C-alpha atoms as a PDB file:
ATOM      1  CA  MET A   1     -76.812-129.538 109.585  1.00  0.00           C
ATOM      2  CA  ARG A   2     -75.736-133.181 109.870  1.00  0.00           C
ATOM      3  CA  PHE A   3     -76.571-134.769 113.564  1.00  0.00           C
ATOM      4  CA  LEU A   4     -74.675-137.309 115.285  1.00  0.00           C
ATOM      5  CA  LEU A   5     -76.358-139.365 117.895  1.00  0.00           C
ATOM      6  CA  ILE A   6     -74.142-140.668 120.222  1.00  0.00           C
ATOM      7  CA  SER A   7     -73.822-143.134 124.136  1.00  0.00           C
ATOM      8  CA  ASP A   8     -71.808-144.503 126.120  1.00  0.00           C
ATOM      9  CA  THR A   9     -68.529-143.642 124.483  1.00  0.00           C
ATOM     10  CA  HIS A  10     -66.749-143.571 128.294  1.00  0.00           C
ATOM     11  CA  GLY A  11     -64.827-141.253 128.232  1.00  0.00           C
ATOM     12  CA  LYS A  12     -62.974-141.517 124.847  1.00  0.00           C
ATOM     13  CA  LEU A  13     -63.284-138.535 123.267  1.00  0.00           C
ATOM     14  CA  GLY A  14     -61.433-140.115 120.220  1.00  0.00           C
ATOM     15  CA  ILE A  15     -64.486-142.634 118.980  1.00  0.00           C
ATOM     16  CA  ILE A  16     -66.716-139.304 118.973  1.00  0.00           C
ATOM     17  CA  ASN A  17     -64.711-136.754 116.933  1.00  0.00           C
ATOM     18  CA  GLU A  18     -63.630-139.763 114.699  1.00  0.00           C
ATOM     19  CA  LEU A  19     -67.522-140.722 113.822  1.00  0.00           C
ATOM     20  CA  ALA A  20     -67.921-137.240 113.655  1.00  0.00           C
ATOM     21  CA  ALA A  21     -65.475-137.043 110.209  1.00  0.00           C
ATOM     22  CA  ARG A  22     -66.787-139.863 109.260  1.00  0.00           C
ATOM     23  CA  THR A  23     -70.801-139.071 109.211  1.00  0.00           C
ATOM     24  CA  LYS A  24     -69.721-134.917 108.276  1.00  0.00           C
ATOM     25  CA  ALA A  25     -72.106-133.815 111.485  1.00  0.00           C
ATOM     26  CA  ASP A  26     -72.013-130.750 112.515  1.00  0.00           C
ATOM     27  CA  VAL A  27     -73.778-131.427 115.762  1.00  0.00           C
ATOM     28  CA  VAL A  28     -72.969-133.960 117.664  1.00  0.00           C
ATOM     29  CA  ILE A  29     -75.909-135.318 120.712  1.00  0.00           C
ATOM     30  CA  HIS A  30     -74.545-137.483 123.078  1.00  0.00           C
ATOM     31  CA  ALA A  31     -76.944-139.202 125.049  1.00  0.00           C
ATOM     32  CA  GLY A  32     -75.356-140.120 128.267  1.00  0.00           C
ATOM     33  CA  ASP A  33     -72.844-141.693 129.930  1.00  0.00           C
ATOM     34  CA  PHE A  34     -69.638-139.529 128.508  1.00  0.00           C
ATOM     35  CA  GLY A  35     -67.910-141.393 131.229  1.00  0.00           C
ATOM     36  CA  PHE A  36     -65.945-138.667 133.188  1.00  0.00           C
ATOM     37  CA  TYR A  37     -63.762-138.885 136.217  1.00  0.00           C
ATOM     38  CA  ASP A  38     -62.640-137.773 139.105  1.00  0.00           C
ATOM     39  CA  GLU A  39     -59.759-138.681 141.274  1.00  0.00           C
ATOM     40  CA  GLY A  40     -62.424-139.488 143.766  1.00  0.00           C
ATOM     41  CA  SER A  41     -65.217-141.016 141.835  1.00  0.00           C
ATOM     42  CA  CYS A  42     -63.955-144.417 142.025  1.00  0.00           C
ATOM     43  CA  ALA A  43     -64.742-144.316 145.084  1.00  0.00           C
ATOM     44  CA  ARG A  44     -68.160-143.391 144.512  1.00  0.00           C
ATOM     45  CA  LEU A  45     -69.424-145.416 141.763  1.00  0.00           C
ATOM     46  CA  ALA A  46     -71.993-147.893 142.559  1.00  0.00           C
ATOM     47  CA  ASP A  47     -70.254-151.782 141.414  1.00  0.00           C
ATOM     48  CA  ARG A  48     -71.369-151.626 137.713  1.00  0.00           C
ATOM     49  CA  GLU A  49     -70.183-148.617 137.023  1.00  0.00           C
ATOM     50  CA  LEU A  50     -66.717-149.558 138.626  1.00  0.00           C
ATOM     51  CA  ARG A  51     -66.924-152.664 136.477  1.00  0.00           C
ATOM     52  CA  LEU A  52     -67.947-150.754 133.831  1.00  0.00           C
ATOM     53  CA  LEU A  53     -64.699-147.992 133.742  1.00  0.00           C
ATOM     54  CA  VAL A  54     -62.641-150.889 133.778  1.00  0.00           C
ATOM     55  CA  ILE A  55     -64.195-153.366 131.382  1.00  0.00           C
ATOM     56  CA  HIS A  56     -63.932-150.418 128.911  1.00  0.00           C
ATOM     57  CA  SER A  57     -60.189-149.094 129.740  1.00  0.00           C
ATOM     58  CA  ASP A  58     -57.462-149.357 127.306  1.00  0.00           C
ATOM     59  CA  LEU A  59     -55.533-151.694 130.194  1.00  0.00           C
ATOM     60  CA  PRO A  60     -54.497-154.944 128.530  1.00  0.00           C
ATOM     61  CA  LYS A  61     -57.483-158.402 129.113  1.00  0.00           C
ATOM     62  CA  GLU A  62     -54.699-159.821 131.283  1.00  0.00           C
ATOM     63  CA  GLU A  63     -55.058-156.554 133.749  1.00  0.00           C
ATOM     64  CA  LYS A  64     -58.997-155.971 133.135  1.00  0.00           C
ATOM     65  CA  ASP A  65     -59.982-159.487 134.449  1.00  0.00           C
ATOM     66  CA  ARG A  66     -57.559-159.272 137.630  1.00  0.00           C
ATOM     67  CA  ILE A  67     -58.732-156.806 138.567  1.00  0.00           C
ATOM     68  CA  LEU A  68     -62.380-157.636 138.188  1.00  0.00           C
ATOM     69  CA  LEU A  69     -61.605-160.508 140.691  1.00  0.00           C
ATOM     70  CA  LEU A  70     -60.680-158.092 143.539  1.00  0.00           C
ATOM     71  CA  ARG A  71     -63.468-157.128 146.551  1.00  0.00           C
ATOM     72  CA  LYS A  72     -64.859-153.680 145.591  1.00  0.00           C
ATOM     73  CA  ASP A  73     -62.660-152.255 147.998  1.00  0.00           C
ATOM     74  CA  ASP A  74     -59.004-153.172 146.156  1.00  0.00           C
ATOM     75  CA  GLN A  75     -60.481-152.653 142.231  1.00  0.00           C
ATOM     76  CA  ILE A  76     -61.185-148.809 144.067  1.00  0.00           C
ATOM     77  CA  ALA A  77     -57.717-148.681 144.483  1.00  0.00           C
ATOM     78  CA  ALA A  78     -55.578-150.459 140.964  1.00  0.00           C
ATOM     79  CA  ALA A  79     -58.089-148.394 139.609  1.00  0.00           C
ATOM     80  CA  ARG A  80     -56.484-144.968 141.543  1.00  0.00           C
ATOM     81  CA  GLU A  81     -53.473-146.575 140.339  1.00  0.00           C
ATOM     82  CA  HIS A  82     -54.338-146.746 137.000  1.00  0.00           C
ATOM     83  CA  ARG A  83     -54.260-143.600 135.021  1.00  0.00           C
ATOM     84  CA  SER A  84     -56.032-144.668 132.541  1.00  0.00           C
ATOM     85  CA  LEU A  85     -58.883-145.665 134.873  1.00  0.00           C
ATOM     86  CA  SER A  86     -58.545-142.528 137.613  1.00  0.00           C
ATOM     87  CA  ALA A  87     -57.671-139.589 135.370  1.00  0.00           C
ATOM     88  CA  PRO A  88     -60.626-136.966 133.819  1.00  0.00           C
ATOM     89  CA  PRO A  89     -60.125-137.218 129.659  1.00  0.00           C
ATOM     90  CA  MET A  90     -61.166-133.795 129.476  1.00  0.00           C
ATOM     91  CA  ARG A  91     -57.186-132.456 130.519  1.00  0.00           C
ATOM     92  CA  ARG A  92     -56.373-134.373 127.170  1.00  0.00           C
ATOM     93  CA  SER A  93     -58.668-134.433 124.774  1.00  0.00           C
ATOM     94  CA  ARG A  94     -60.807-131.977 123.455  1.00  0.00           C
ATOM     95  CA  LEU A  95     -64.269-132.567 121.006  1.00  0.00           C
ATOM     96  CA  PHE A  96     -63.528-130.526 117.515  1.00  0.00           C
ATOM     97  CA  ILE A  97     -67.439-130.214 117.298  1.00  0.00           C
ATOM     98  CA  PRO A  98     -70.281-128.965 119.357  1.00  0.00           C
ATOM     99  CA  ALA A  99     -71.838-131.647 121.339  1.00  0.00           C
END
């Protein structure tokens, strides 16, 4: 049995599936920072986690830079405006092997 140990995927299930297929893993062990957020999560995130949410998003660099310069309340508002930051990825994706 082959195991894939991974962490810090920040809500991007595609990378888990890609690495599992590439390594022919039978099981994935995820060590943390899955990064799934619901609509109210941004307001509850610590400053560091909110910054990481923006940094690891699929937004263009210029938009990330703009959001990161904002005050926390404005960062939260911007994150809510961008579906890629506020929508839970689980609704759009799934894992292909046990995790």
